[in-house]
Amino acid sequence: DESEAMHRIVDRLFEALSASKLETLRNLA
């Protein structure tokens, strides 16, 4: 499903930001 896929990609982007070793990117989440 296209809509679900787009939401899931965004979720993965936020997970990646939160897991970053850079404080700047973690804060961005």
PDB file of all heavy atoms in Angstrom:
ATOM      1  N   ASP A   1       0.844  -1.197   0.000  1.00  0.00           N
ATOM      2  CA  ASP A   1       0.000   0.000   0.000  1.00  0.00           C
ATOM      3  C   ASP A   1       0.880   1.248   0.000  1.00  0.00           C
ATOM      4  O   ASP A   1       1.765   1.407   0.862  1.00  0.00           O
ATOM      5  CB  ASP A   1      -0.910   0.001   1.230  1.00  0.00           C
ATOM      6  CG  ASP A   1      -1.800   1.223   1.288  1.00  0.00           C
ATOM      7  OD1 ASP A   1      -2.793   1.271   0.546  1.00  0.00           O
ATOM      8  OD2 ASP A   1      -1.470   2.142   2.072  1.00  0.00           O
ATOM      9  N   GLU A   2       0.641   2.147  -0.972  1.00  0.00           N
ATOM     10  CA  GLU A   2       1.503   3.325  -1.125  1.00  0.00           C
ATOM     11  C   GLU A   2       1.505   4.219   0.110  1.00  0.00           C
ATOM     12  O   GLU A   2       2.554   4.688   0.561  1.00  0.00           O
ATOM     13  CB  GLU A   2       1.074   4.164  -2.337  1.00  0.00           C
ATOM     14  CG  GLU A   2       1.076   3.423  -3.663  1.00  0.00           C
ATOM     15  CD  GLU A   2      -0.301   2.930  -4.027  1.00  0.00           C
ATOM     16  OE1 GLU A   2      -0.777   1.982  -3.378  1.00  0.00           O
ATOM     17  OE2 GLU A   2      -0.901   3.501  -4.953  1.00  0.00           O
ATOM     18  N   SER A   3       0.321   4.478   0.654  1.00  0.00           N
ATOM     19  CA  SER A   3       0.222   5.357   1.816  1.00  0.00           C
ATOM     20  C   SER A   3       0.945   4.767   3.017  1.00  0.00           C
ATOM     21  O   SER A   3       1.719   5.459   3.695  1.00  0.00           O
ATOM     22  CB  SER A   3      -1.250   5.608   2.162  1.00  0.00           C
ATOM     23  OG  SER A   3      -1.356   6.396   3.329  1.00  0.00           O
ATOM     24  N   GLU A   4       0.716   3.504   3.273  1.00  0.00           N
ATOM     25  CA  GLU A   4       1.392   2.858   4.396  1.00  0.00           C
ATOM     26  C   GLU A   4       2.901   2.872   4.206  1.00  0.00           C
ATOM     27  O   GLU A   4       3.668   3.107   5.155  1.00  0.00           O
ATOM     28  CB  GLU A   4       0.915   1.413   4.552  1.00  0.00           C
ATOM     29  CG  GLU A   4       1.574   0.692   5.723  1.00  0.00           C
ATOM     30  CD  GLU A   4       1.212  -0.780   5.815  1.00  0.00           C
ATOM     31  OE1 GLU A   4       0.355  -1.237   5.024  1.00  0.00           O
ATOM     32  OE2 GLU A   4       1.804  -1.477   6.665  1.00  0.00           O
ATOM     33  N   ALA A   5       3.352   2.624   2.975  1.00  0.00           N
ATOM     34  CA  ALA A   5       4.787   2.616   2.700  1.00  0.00           C
ATOM     35  C   ALA A   5       5.415   3.970   2.981  1.00  0.00           C
ATOM     36  O   ALA A   5       6.496   4.054   3.575  1.00  0.00           O
ATOM     37  CB  ALA A   5       5.039   2.200   1.251  1.00  0.00           C
ATOM     38  N   MET A   6       4.756   5.062   2.567  1.00  0.00           N
ATOM     39  CA  MET A   6       5.309   6.391   2.801  1.00  0.00           C
ATOM     40  C   MET A   6       5.405   6.683   4.296  1.00  0.00           C
ATOM     41  O   MET A   6       6.398   7.236   4.785  1.00  0.00           O
ATOM     42  CB  MET A   6       4.461   7.454   2.105  1.00  0.00           C
ATOM     43  CG  MET A   6       4.431   7.354   0.580  1.00  0.00           C
ATOM     44  SD  MET A   6       6.059   7.241  -0.200  1.00  0.00           S
ATOM     45  CE  MET A   6       6.071   5.520  -0.727  1.00  0.00           C
ATOM     46  N   HIS A   7       4.367   6.294   5.051  1.00  0.00           N
ATOM     47  CA  HIS A   7       4.401   6.487   6.504  1.00  0.00           C
ATOM     48  C   HIS A   7       5.524   5.667   7.130  1.00  0.00           C
ATOM     49  O   HIS A   7       6.222   6.151   8.032  1.00  0.00           O
ATOM     50  CB  HIS A   7       3.056   6.093   7.116  1.00  0.00           C
ATOM     51  CG  HIS A   7       2.013   7.161   7.020  1.00  0.00           C
ATOM     52  ND1 HIS A   7       1.833   8.131   7.988  1.00  0.00           N
ATOM     53  CD2 HIS A   7       1.098   7.430   6.053  1.00  0.00           C
ATOM     54  CE1 HIS A   7       0.848   8.936   7.641  1.00  0.00           C
ATOM     55  NE2 HIS A   7       0.379   8.541   6.462  1.00  0.00           N
ATOM     56  N   ARG A   8       5.716   4.452   6.639  1.00  0.00           N
ATOM     57  CA  ARG A   8       6.757   3.591   7.204  1.00  0.00           C
ATOM     58  C   ARG A   8       8.157   4.134   6.899  1.00  0.00           C
ATOM     59  O   ARG A   8       9.064   4.040   7.735  1.00  0.00           O
ATOM     60  CB  ARG A   8       6.606   2.165   6.664  1.00  0.00           C
ATOM     61  CG  ARG A   8       5.314   1.469   7.086  1.00  0.00           C
ATOM     62  CD  ARG A   8       5.444   0.799   8.438  1.00  0.00           C
ATOM     63  NE  ARG A   8       6.296  -0.362   8.379  1.00  0.00           N
ATOM     64  CZ  ARG A   8       5.885  -1.587   8.044  1.00  0.00           C
ATOM     65  NH1 ARG A   8       4.617  -1.799   7.722  1.00  0.00           N
ATOM     66  NH2 ARG A   8       6.725  -2.598   8.048  1.00  0.00           N
ATOM     67  N   ILE A   9       8.353   4.693   5.694  1.00  0.00           N
ATOM     68  CA  ILE A   9       9.653   5.292   5.361  1.00  0.00           C
ATOM     69  C   ILE A   9       9.938   6.471   6.283  1.00  0.00           C
ATOM     70  O   ILE A   9      11.054   6.625   6.799  1.00  0.00           O
ATOM     71  CB  ILE A   9       9.691   5.744   3.884  1.00  0.00           C
ATOM     72  CG1 ILE A   9       9.623   4.534   2.956  1.00  0.00           C
ATOM     73  CG2 ILE A   9      10.968   6.546   3.600  1.00  0.00           C
ATOM     74  CD1 ILE A   9       9.446   4.891   1.495  1.00  0.00           C
ATOM     75  N   VAL A  10       8.923   7.292   6.511  1.00  0.00           N
ATOM     76  CA  VAL A  10       9.094   8.435   7.414  1.00  0.00           C
ATOM     77  C   VAL A  10       9.426   7.941   8.826  1.00  0.00           C
ATOM     78  O   VAL A  10      10.293   8.504   9.506  1.00  0.00           O
ATOM     79  CB  VAL A  10       7.835   9.327   7.412  1.00  0.00           C
ATOM     80  CG1 VAL A  10       7.904  10.371   8.521  1.00  0.00           C
ATOM     81  CG2 VAL A  10       7.680  10.010   6.063  1.00  0.00           C
ATOM     82  N   ASP A  11       8.752   6.886   9.265  1.00  0.00           N
ATOM     83  CA  ASP A  11       9.063   6.313  10.581  1.00  0.00           C
ATOM     84  C   ASP A  11      10.527   5.887  10.653  1.00  0.00           C
ATOM     85  O   ASP A  11      11.209   6.120  11.664  1.00  0.00           O
ATOM     86  CB  ASP A  11       8.167   5.103  10.855  1.00  0.00           C
ATOM     87  CG  ASP A  11       6.721   5.489  11.140  1.00  0.00           C
ATOM     88  OD1 ASP A  11       6.472   6.662  11.501  1.00  0.00           O
ATOM     89  OD2 ASP A  11       5.839   4.618  10.989  1.00  0.00           O
ATOM     90  N   ARG A  12      11.017   5.257   9.578  1.00  0.00           N
ATOM     91  CA  ARG A  12      12.412   4.807   9.575  1.00  0.00           C
ATOM     92  C   ARG A  12      13.376   5.988   9.582  1.00  0.00           C
ATOM     93  O   ARG A  12      14.450   5.909  10.187  1.00  0.00           O
ATOM     94  CB  ARG A  12      12.696   3.908   8.360  1.00  0.00           C
ATOM     95  CG  ARG A  12      11.923   2.607   8.299  1.00  0.00           C
ATOM     96  CD  ARG A  12      11.851   1.858   9.625  1.00  0.00           C
ATOM     97  NE  ARG A  12      13.134   1.479  10.170  1.00  0.00           N
ATOM     98  CZ  ARG A  12      13.688   0.286  10.036  1.00  0.00           C
ATOM     99  NH1 ARG A  12      13.068  -0.657   9.349  1.00  0.00           N
ATOM    100  NH2 ARG A  12      14.844   0.012  10.591  1.00  0.00           N
ATOM    101  N   LEU A  13      13.006   7.070   8.917  1.00  0.00           N
ATOM    102  CA  LEU A  13      13.846   8.274   8.945  1.00  0.00           C
ATOM    103  C   LEU A  13      13.947   8.841  10.359  1.00  0.00           C
ATOM    104  O   LEU A  13      15.029   9.213  10.820  1.00  0.00           O
ATOM    105  CB  LEU A  13      13.302   9.323   7.981  1.00  0.00           C
ATOM    106  CG  LEU A  13      13.632   9.109   6.502  1.00  0.00           C
ATOM    107  CD1 LEU A  13      12.791  10.026   5.619  1.00  0.00           C
ATOM    108  CD2 LEU A  13      15.118   9.363   6.232  1.00  0.00           C
ATOM    109  N   PHE A  14      12.813   8.893  11.061  1.00  0.00           N
ATOM    110  CA  PHE A  14      12.842   9.403  12.432  1.00  0.00           C
ATOM    111  C   PHE A  14      13.616   8.457  13.354  1.00  0.00           C
ATOM    112  O   PHE A  14      14.340   8.914  14.253  1.00  0.00           O
ATOM    113  CB  PHE A  14      11.416   9.627  12.943  1.00  0.00           C
ATOM    114  CG  PHE A  14      10.848  10.957  12.554  1.00  0.00           C
ATOM    115  CD1 PHE A  14       9.950  11.065  11.516  1.00  0.00           C
ATOM    116  CD2 PHE A  14      11.239  12.118  13.209  1.00  0.00           C
ATOM    117  CE1 PHE A  14       9.429  12.299  11.134  1.00  0.00           C
ATOM    118  CE2 PHE A  14      10.733  13.351  12.850  1.00  0.00           C
ATOM    119  CZ  PHE A  14       9.820  13.456  11.803  1.00  0.00           C
ATOM    120  N   GLU A  15      13.490   7.154  13.142  1.00  0.00           N
ATOM    121  CA  GLU A  15      14.273   6.197  13.918  1.00  0.00           C
ATOM    122  C   GLU A  15      15.764   6.395  13.667  1.00  0.00           C
ATOM    123  O   GLU A  15      16.582   6.306  14.594  1.00  0.00           O
ATOM    124  CB  GLU A  15      13.865   4.771  13.563  1.00  0.00           C
ATOM    125  CG  GLU A  15      12.474   4.380  14.047  1.00  0.00           C
ATOM    126  CD  GLU A  15      12.005   3.063  13.456  1.00  0.00           C
ATOM    127  OE1 GLU A  15      12.844   2.342  12.862  1.00  0.00           O
ATOM    128  OE2 GLU A  15      10.807   2.749  13.575  1.00  0.00           O
ATOM    129  N   ALA A  16      16.117   6.646  12.405  1.00  0.00           N
ATOM    130  CA  ALA A  16      17.528   6.866  12.062  1.00  0.00           C
ATOM    131  C   ALA A  16      18.062   8.135  12.726  1.00  0.00           C
ATOM    132  O   ALA A  16      19.185   8.154  13.243  1.00  0.00           O
ATOM    133  CB  ALA A  16      17.687   6.961  10.548  1.00  0.00           C
ATOM    134  N   LEU A  17      17.273   9.189  12.716  1.00  0.00           N
ATOM    135  CA  LEU A  17      17.678  10.429  13.391  1.00  0.00           C
ATOM    136  C   LEU A  17      17.895  10.188  14.879  1.00  0.00           C
ATOM    137  O   LEU A  17      18.900  10.616  15.461  1.00  0.00           O
ATOM    138  CB  LEU A  17      16.628  11.522  13.181  1.00  0.00           C
ATOM    139  CG  LEU A  17      16.537  12.129  11.780  1.00  0.00           C
ATOM    140  CD1 LEU A  17      15.289  12.997  11.666  1.00  0.00           C
ATOM    141  CD2 LEU A  17      17.785  12.954  11.450  1.00  0.00           C
ATOM    142  N   SER A  18      16.951   9.487  15.508  1.00  0.00           N
ATOM    143  CA  SER A  18      17.040   9.237  16.945  1.00  0.00           C
ATOM    144  C   SER A  18      18.242   8.362  17.309  1.00  0.00           C
ATOM    145  O   SER A  18      18.780   8.466  18.418  1.00  0.00           O
ATOM    146  CB  SER A  18      15.753   8.563  17.442  1.00  0.00           C
ATOM    147  OG  SER A  18      14.631   9.401  17.228  1.00  0.00           O
ATOM    148  N   ALA A  19      18.664   7.502  16.379  1.00  0.00           N
ATOM    149  CA  ALA A  19      19.776   6.583  16.644  1.00  0.00           C
ATOM    150  C   ALA A  19      21.128   7.139  16.220  1.00  0.00           C
ATOM    151  O   ALA A  19      22.157   6.499  16.448  1.00  0.00           O
ATOM    152  CB  ALA A  19      19.534   5.258  15.921  1.00  0.00           C
ATOM    153  N   SER A  20      21.150   8.326  15.625  1.00  0.00           N
ATOM    154  CA  SER A  20      22.402   8.897  15.119  1.00  0.00           C
ATOM    155  C   SER A  20      23.397   9.137  16.256  1.00  0.00           C
ATOM    156  O   SER A  20      23.013   9.434  17.391  1.00  0.00           O
ATOM    157  CB  SER A  20      22.125  10.215  14.393  1.00  0.00           C
ATOM    158  OG  SER A  20      23.340  10.846  14.033  1.00  0.00           O
ATOM    159  N   LYS A  21      24.674   9.014  15.940  1.00  0.00           N
ATOM    160  CA  LYS A  21      25.721   9.309  16.915  1.00  0.00           C
ATOM    161  C   LYS A  21      25.945  10.809  17.074  1.00  0.00           C
ATOM    162  O   LYS A  21      26.659  11.235  17.983  1.00  0.00           O
ATOM    163  CB  LYS A  21      27.023   8.620  16.507  1.00  0.00           C
ATOM    164  CG  LYS A  21      26.952   7.102  16.573  1.00  0.00           C
ATOM    165  CD  LYS A  21      28.267   6.456  16.200  1.00  0.00           C
ATOM    166  CE  LYS A  21      28.173   4.937  16.291  1.00  0.00           C
ATOM    167  NZ  LYS A  21      29.446   4.269  15.934  1.00  0.00           N
ATOM    168  N   LEU A  22      25.335  11.606  16.181  1.00  0.00           N
ATOM    169  CA  LEU A  22      25.467  13.063  16.256  1.00  0.00           C
ATOM    170  C   LEU A  22      24.317  13.654  17.064  1.00  0.00           C
ATOM    171  O   LEU A  22      23.148  13.419  16.765  1.00  0.00           O
ATOM    172  CB  LEU A  22      25.474  13.668  14.858  1.00  0.00           C
ATOM    173  CG  LEU A  22      26.664  13.352  13.953  1.00  0.00           C
ATOM    174  CD1 LEU A  22      26.529  14.115  12.642  1.00  0.00           C
ATOM    175  CD2 LEU A  22      27.983  13.700  14.625  1.00  0.00           C
ATOM    176  N   GLU A  23      24.650  14.440  18.054  1.00  0.00           N
ATOM    177  CA  GLU A  23      23.621  15.052  18.901  1.00  0.00           C
ATOM    178  C   GLU A  23      22.696  15.947  18.086  1.00  0.00           C
ATOM    179  O   GLU A  23      21.482  16.002  18.327  1.00  0.00           O
ATOM    180  CB  GLU A  23      24.276  15.858  20.027  1.00  0.00           C
ATOM    181  CG  GLU A  23      23.276  16.451  21.006  1.00  0.00           C
ATOM    182  CD  GLU A  23      23.952  17.217  22.125  1.00  0.00           C
ATOM    183  OE1 GLU A  23      25.202  17.313  22.114  1.00  0.00           O
ATOM    184  OE2 GLU A  23      23.242  17.733  23.005  1.00  0.00           O
ATOM    185  N   THR A  24      23.259  16.643  17.090  1.00  0.00           N
ATOM    186  CA  THR A  24      22.447  17.538  16.258  1.00  0.00           C
ATOM    187  C   THR A  24      21.326  16.775  15.563  1.00  0.00           C
ATOM    188  O   THR A  24      20.181  17.228  15.520  1.00  0.00           O
ATOM    189  CB  THR A  24      23.325  18.239  15.207  1.00  0.00           C
ATOM    190  OG1 THR A  24      24.316  19.019  15.871  1.00  0.00           O
ATOM    191  CG2 THR A  24      22.493  19.155  14.314  1.00  0.00           C
ATOM    192  N   LEU A  25      21.648  15.607  15.013  1.00  0.00           N
ATOM    193  CA  LEU A  25      20.631  14.815  14.321  1.00  0.00           C
ATOM    194  C   LEU A  25      19.660  14.168  15.304  1.00  0.00           C
ATOM    195  O   LEU A  25      18.460  14.052  15.010  1.00  0.00           O
ATOM    196  CB  LEU A  25      21.288  13.755  13.444  1.00  0.00           C
ATOM    197  CG  LEU A  25      22.137  14.289  12.273  1.00  0.00           C
ATOM    198  CD1 LEU A  25      22.651  13.133  11.418  1.00  0.00           C
ATOM    199  CD2 LEU A  25      21.342  15.261  11.422  1.00  0.00           C
ATOM    200  N   ARG A  26      20.145  13.752  16.459  1.00  0.00           N
ATOM    201  CA  ARG A  26      19.241  13.191  17.469  1.00  0.00           C
ATOM    202  C   ARG A  26      18.223  14.237  17.928  1.00  0.00           C
ATOM    203  O   ARG A  26      17.036  13.955  18.071  1.00  0.00           O
ATOM    204  CB  ARG A  26      20.022  12.654  18.668  1.00  0.00           C
ATOM    205  CG  ARG A  26      20.836  11.409  18.377  1.00  0.00           C
ATOM    206  CD  ARG A  26      21.246  10.704  19.663  1.00  0.00           C
ATOM    207  NE  ARG A  26      21.965  11.582  20.577  1.00  0.00           N
ATOM    208  CZ  ARG A  26      23.275  11.782  20.550  1.00  0.00           C
ATOM    209  NH1 ARG A  26      24.018  11.174  19.639  1.00  0.00           N
ATOM    210  NH2 ARG A  26      23.864  12.586  21.418  1.00  0.00           N
ATOM    211  N   ASN A  27      18.689  15.456  18.145  1.00  0.00           N
ATOM    212  CA  ASN A  27      17.792  16.529  18.573  1.00  0.00           C
ATOM    213  C   ASN A  27      16.768  16.854  17.498  1.00  0.00           C
ATOM    214  O   ASN A  27      15.645  17.255  17.789  1.00  0.00           O
ATOM    215  CB  ASN A  27      18.586  17.787  18.929  1.00  0.00           C
ATOM    216  CG  ASN A  27      19.411  17.610  20.190  1.00  0.00           C
ATOM    217  OD1 ASN A  27      19.133  16.724  21.006  1.00  0.00           O
ATOM    218  ND2 ASN A  27      20.436  18.434  20.349  1.00  0.00           N
ATOM    219  N   LEU A  28      17.187  16.689  16.242  1.00  0.00           N
ATOM    220  CA  LEU A  28      16.303  17.012  15.124  1.00  0.00           C
ATOM    221  C   LEU A  28      15.033  16.163  15.141  1.00  0.00           C
ATOM    222  O   LEU A  28      13.963  16.615  14.727  1.00  0.00           O
ATOM    223  CB  LEU A  28      17.061  16.808  13.816  1.00  0.00           C
ATOM    224  CG  LEU A  28      16.411  17.319  12.533  1.00  0.00           C
ATOM    225  CD1 LEU A  28      16.155  18.818  12.620  1.00  0.00           C
ATOM    226  CD2 LEU A  28      17.296  17.012  11.336  1.00  0.00           C
ATOM    227  N   ALA A  29      15.156  14.931  15.650  1.00  0.00           N
ATOM    228  CA  ALA A  29      14.000  14.034  15.688  1.00  0.00           C
ATOM    229  C   ALA A  29      12.880  14.576  16.560  1.00  0.00           C
ATOM    230  O   ALA A  29      11.705  14.266  16.339  1.00  0.00           O
ATOM    231  CB  ALA A  29      14.427  12.658  16.193  1.00  0.00           C
TER     232      ALA A  29
END
